Each structure stands twice: as structure tokens, then as C-alpha cells.
Amino acid sequence: MQRLDVALNDAVGTLIGPARYEGDEARPLAVVHAATLLKSMADTWQAEAVQAARTDYSWEGIAGALGTSKQSAHERFSR
């Protein structure tokens, strides 16, 4: 998982990097906007991945991948 973390961090940095500055001027609101879009997309991808995983994996396995408790995973994604 460490490799994936590094790769995702690099990719997001590449995407958001240009939004941080326009010339010498910092653009924090552009970064806030980009981060909000990325979070929304990530939430959608996560929900879709959990739905796909439900056919082959237990809630315990899914919870482990989410880094949460089985109960929390089930409450959030069982619908």
C-alpha cells in the first residue's frame, strides 16, 4: 500500500500544483476547490469499489481496507 500512497500523492500534487499559484500569487481558493472536487470523486469511487467488493469479500475484509471497524463499514455502505 505504501507505493500506492506515494503514487497517489504524486499524481494529486501534479494535478493541484498548477492551481496553487498564478505567477507569483498564491491561489489558496483554487486549491480548496480542487481538493473539494477530488474528495467528491474519491467518495464516489470508494462507494463503487465497496459495492463491487461486497460480492467477494466479507465486511471484515472491506473494513480492513477502509481502515475502520466492521460495524462502521456496514453502517456506511450496506444500503
N, C-alpha and C. Protein backbone atom coordinates (compact mmCIF):
# COMPACT_ATOMS: atom_id res chain seq x y z
N MET A 1 0.81 -1.20 0.00
CA MET A 1 0.00 0.00 0.00
C MET A 1 0.86 1.27 0.00
N GLN A 2 2.05 1.20 0.55
CA GLN A 2 2.93 2.37 0.59
C GLN A 2 3.18 2.92 -0.81
N ARG A 3 3.43 2.05 -1.76
CA ARG A 3 3.67 2.50 -3.13
C ARG A 3 2.47 3.25 -3.69
N LEU A 4 1.29 2.71 -3.44
CA LEU A 4 0.07 3.34 -3.92
C LEU A 4 -0.10 4.72 -3.29
N ASP A 5 0.18 4.82 -1.99
CA ASP A 5 0.08 6.11 -1.30
C ASP A 5 0.99 7.14 -1.96
N VAL A 6 2.22 6.75 -2.22
CA VAL A 6 3.19 7.66 -2.82
C VAL A 6 2.75 8.05 -4.23
N ALA A 7 2.31 7.07 -5.01
CA ALA A 7 1.88 7.34 -6.39
C ALA A 7 0.68 8.28 -6.42
N LEU A 8 -0.30 8.05 -5.53
CA LEU A 8 -1.47 8.93 -5.50
C LEU A 8 -1.09 10.33 -5.05
N ASN A 9 -0.23 10.43 -4.06
CA ASN A 9 0.21 11.74 -3.60
C ASN A 9 0.92 12.50 -4.72
N ASP A 10 1.77 11.81 -5.46
CA ASP A 10 2.46 12.45 -6.58
C ASP A 10 1.48 12.89 -7.66
N ALA A 11 0.51 12.04 -7.97
CA ALA A 11 -0.47 12.37 -9.01
C ALA A 11 -1.32 13.57 -8.60
N VAL A 12 -1.77 13.59 -7.37
CA VAL A 12 -2.59 14.71 -6.90
C VAL A 12 -1.75 15.99 -6.87
N GLY A 13 -0.52 15.88 -6.45
CA GLY A 13 0.37 17.04 -6.46
C GLY A 13 0.55 17.61 -7.85
N THR A 14 0.67 16.72 -8.82
CA THR A 14 0.82 17.14 -10.21
C THR A 14 -0.44 17.86 -10.70
N LEU A 15 -1.60 17.35 -10.29
CA LEU A 15 -2.86 17.96 -10.72
C LEU A 15 -3.12 19.29 -10.03
N ILE A 16 -2.86 19.36 -8.74
CA ILE A 16 -3.19 20.57 -7.98
C ILE A 16 -2.07 21.60 -8.05
N GLY A 17 -0.85 21.15 -8.27
CA GLY A 17 0.29 22.07 -8.29
C GLY A 17 0.07 23.33 -9.09
N PRO A 18 -0.36 23.21 -10.34
CA PRO A 18 -0.57 24.43 -11.15
C PRO A 18 -1.65 25.36 -10.60
N ALA A 19 -2.59 24.84 -9.83
CA ALA A 19 -3.65 25.67 -9.27
C ALA A 19 -3.17 26.51 -8.09
N ARG A 20 -2.04 26.12 -7.50
CA ARG A 20 -1.57 26.81 -6.29
C ARG A 20 -1.12 28.24 -6.53
N TYR A 21 -0.57 28.50 -7.70
CA TYR A 21 -0.01 29.82 -7.96
C TYR A 21 -0.36 30.26 -9.37
N GLU A 22 -0.55 31.55 -9.50
CA GLU A 22 -0.66 32.17 -10.81
C GLU A 22 0.42 33.23 -10.83
N GLY A 23 1.49 32.93 -11.54
CA GLY A 23 2.67 33.79 -11.45
C GLY A 23 3.27 33.63 -10.06
N ASP A 24 3.43 34.73 -9.37
CA ASP A 24 3.96 34.70 -8.01
C ASP A 24 2.85 34.75 -6.96
N GLU A 25 1.61 34.79 -7.40
CA GLU A 25 0.50 34.97 -6.48
C GLU A 25 -0.09 33.63 -6.04
N ALA A 26 -0.18 33.41 -4.74
CA ALA A 26 -0.78 32.20 -4.19
C ALA A 26 -2.29 32.20 -4.47
N ARG A 27 -2.82 31.04 -4.74
CA ARG A 27 -4.25 30.90 -5.03
C ARG A 27 -4.86 29.82 -4.13
N PRO A 28 -4.97 30.06 -2.84
CA PRO A 28 -5.47 29.03 -1.94
C PRO A 28 -6.90 28.60 -2.22
N LEU A 29 -7.74 29.51 -2.71
CA LEU A 29 -9.12 29.11 -3.00
C LEU A 29 -9.20 28.15 -4.17
N ALA A 30 -8.29 28.27 -5.12
CA ALA A 30 -8.26 27.31 -6.23
C ALA A 30 -7.90 25.93 -5.72
N VAL A 31 -7.00 25.87 -4.74
CA VAL A 31 -6.62 24.58 -4.16
C VAL A 31 -7.79 24.01 -3.35
N VAL A 32 -8.49 24.86 -2.62
CA VAL A 32 -9.67 24.40 -1.87
C VAL A 32 -10.69 23.81 -2.84
N HIS A 33 -10.93 24.48 -3.93
CA HIS A 33 -11.88 24.00 -4.93
C HIS A 33 -11.43 22.66 -5.53
N ALA A 34 -10.16 22.57 -5.92
CA ALA A 34 -9.63 21.33 -6.49
C ALA A 34 -9.71 20.19 -5.49
N ALA A 35 -9.37 20.45 -4.24
CA ALA A 35 -9.42 19.41 -3.22
C ALA A 35 -10.86 18.95 -2.98
N THR A 36 -11.80 19.86 -3.03
CA THR A 36 -13.22 19.51 -2.86
C THR A 36 -13.69 18.60 -3.99
N LEU A 37 -13.30 18.93 -5.22
CA LEU A 37 -13.66 18.08 -6.36
C LEU A 37 -13.04 16.69 -6.23
N LEU A 38 -11.76 16.63 -5.86
CA LEU A 38 -11.09 15.35 -5.69
C LEU A 38 -11.74 14.51 -4.60
N LYS A 39 -12.12 15.14 -3.48
CA LYS A 39 -12.77 14.41 -2.39
C LYS A 39 -14.10 13.83 -2.84
N SER A 40 -14.87 14.61 -3.56
CA SER A 40 -16.15 14.13 -4.05
C SER A 40 -15.97 12.93 -4.98
N MET A 41 -15.00 13.04 -5.88
CA MET A 41 -14.73 11.94 -6.80
C MET A 41 -14.24 10.71 -6.04
N ALA A 42 -13.38 10.90 -5.06
CA ALA A 42 -12.86 9.78 -4.27
C ALA A 42 -13.97 9.10 -3.49
N ASP A 43 -14.91 9.87 -2.94
CA ASP A 43 -16.04 9.29 -2.22
C ASP A 43 -16.87 8.40 -3.15
N THR A 44 -17.09 8.87 -4.37
CA THR A 44 -17.84 8.09 -5.36
C THR A 44 -17.10 6.81 -5.72
N TRP A 45 -15.80 6.92 -5.98
CA TRP A 45 -15.00 5.73 -6.33
C TRP A 45 -14.99 4.73 -5.18
N GLN A 46 -14.89 5.24 -3.95
CA GLN A 46 -14.87 4.36 -2.79
C GLN A 46 -16.18 3.59 -2.65
N ALA A 47 -17.29 4.29 -2.79
CA ALA A 47 -18.60 3.63 -2.68
C ALA A 47 -18.77 2.58 -3.77
N GLU A 48 -18.35 2.88 -4.98
CA GLU A 48 -18.45 1.92 -6.08
C GLU A 48 -17.55 0.71 -5.82
N ALA A 49 -16.36 0.94 -5.30
CA ALA A 49 -15.44 -0.17 -5.02
C ALA A 49 -15.97 -1.05 -3.89
N VAL A 50 -16.55 -0.44 -2.88
CA VAL A 50 -17.13 -1.24 -1.78
C VAL A 50 -18.28 -2.08 -2.31
N GLN A 51 -19.13 -1.52 -3.14
CA GLN A 51 -20.24 -2.29 -3.71
C GLN A 51 -19.72 -3.48 -4.50
N ALA A 52 -18.67 -3.26 -5.28
CA ALA A 52 -18.09 -4.35 -6.07
C ALA A 52 -17.45 -5.40 -5.15
N ALA A 53 -16.81 -4.97 -4.09
CA ALA A 53 -16.15 -5.89 -3.16
C ALA A 53 -17.14 -6.74 -2.38
N ARG A 54 -18.35 -6.24 -2.18
CA ARG A 54 -19.33 -6.96 -1.37
C ARG A 54 -19.67 -8.34 -1.93
N THR A 55 -19.49 -8.55 -3.22
CA THR A 55 -19.82 -9.86 -3.78
C THR A 55 -18.79 -10.93 -3.43
N ASP A 56 -17.54 -10.52 -3.17
CA ASP A 56 -16.47 -11.49 -2.93
C ASP A 56 -15.80 -11.40 -1.57
N TYR A 57 -16.06 -10.35 -0.82
CA TYR A 57 -15.35 -10.14 0.43
C TYR A 57 -16.32 -9.91 1.59
N SER A 58 -15.87 -10.26 2.78
CA SER A 58 -16.67 -10.06 3.99
C SER A 58 -16.60 -8.60 4.42
N TRP A 59 -17.52 -8.22 5.30
CA TRP A 59 -17.47 -6.87 5.84
C TRP A 59 -16.18 -6.66 6.63
N GLU A 60 -15.67 -7.71 7.23
CA GLU A 60 -14.40 -7.60 7.95
C GLU A 60 -13.26 -7.24 7.00
N GLY A 61 -13.22 -7.88 5.84
CA GLY A 61 -12.20 -7.57 4.86
C GLY A 61 -12.34 -6.17 4.29
N ILE A 62 -13.58 -5.79 4.01
CA ILE A 62 -13.84 -4.44 3.49
C ILE A 62 -13.46 -3.40 4.54
N ALA A 63 -13.83 -3.65 5.79
CA ALA A 63 -13.49 -2.71 6.87
C ALA A 63 -11.98 -2.56 7.00
N GLY A 64 -11.26 -3.66 6.86
CA GLY A 64 -9.80 -3.59 6.93
C GLY A 64 -9.23 -2.70 5.84
N ALA A 65 -9.76 -2.81 4.64
CA ALA A 65 -9.29 -1.97 3.53
C ALA A 65 -9.66 -0.50 3.75
N LEU A 66 -10.77 -0.26 4.43
CA LEU A 66 -11.21 1.10 4.71
C LEU A 66 -10.50 1.69 5.93
N GLY A 67 -9.89 0.82 6.74
CA GLY A 67 -9.25 1.30 7.96
C GLY A 67 -10.24 1.68 9.03
N THR A 68 -11.35 0.92 9.09
CA THR A 68 -12.41 1.23 10.05
C THR A 68 -12.93 -0.06 10.66
N SER A 69 -13.90 0.02 11.52
CA SER A 69 -14.48 -1.17 12.12
C SER A 69 -15.49 -1.81 11.16
N LYS A 70 -15.74 -3.07 11.37
CA LYS A 70 -16.72 -3.79 10.55
C LYS A 70 -18.10 -3.13 10.68
N GLN A 71 -18.46 -2.77 11.89
CA GLN A 71 -19.76 -2.15 12.13
C GLN A 71 -19.87 -0.81 11.39
N SER A 72 -18.83 -0.02 11.47
CA SER A 72 -18.84 1.28 10.80
C SER A 72 -18.94 1.13 9.29
N ALA A 73 -18.18 0.19 8.73
CA ALA A 73 -18.22 -0.05 7.29
C ALA A 73 -19.62 -0.49 6.86
N HIS A 74 -20.20 -1.41 7.63
CA HIS A 74 -21.53 -1.92 7.30
C HIS A 74 -22.57 -0.81 7.37
N GLU A 75 -22.52 0.01 8.42
CA GLU A 75 -23.48 1.10 8.57
C GLU A 75 -23.38 2.10 7.42
N ARG A 76 -22.16 2.35 6.99
CA ARG A 76 -21.98 3.36 5.94
C ARG A 76 -22.32 2.87 4.56
N PHE A 77 -22.03 1.60 4.25
CA PHE A 77 -22.13 1.14 2.87
C PHE A 77 -23.13 0.02 2.60
N SER A 78 -23.90 -0.39 3.61
CA SER A 78 -24.79 -1.54 3.39
C SER A 78 -26.04 -1.21 2.60
N ARG A 79 -26.33 0.03 2.38
CA ARG A 79 -27.55 0.43 1.65
C ARG A 79 -27.41 0.27 0.17
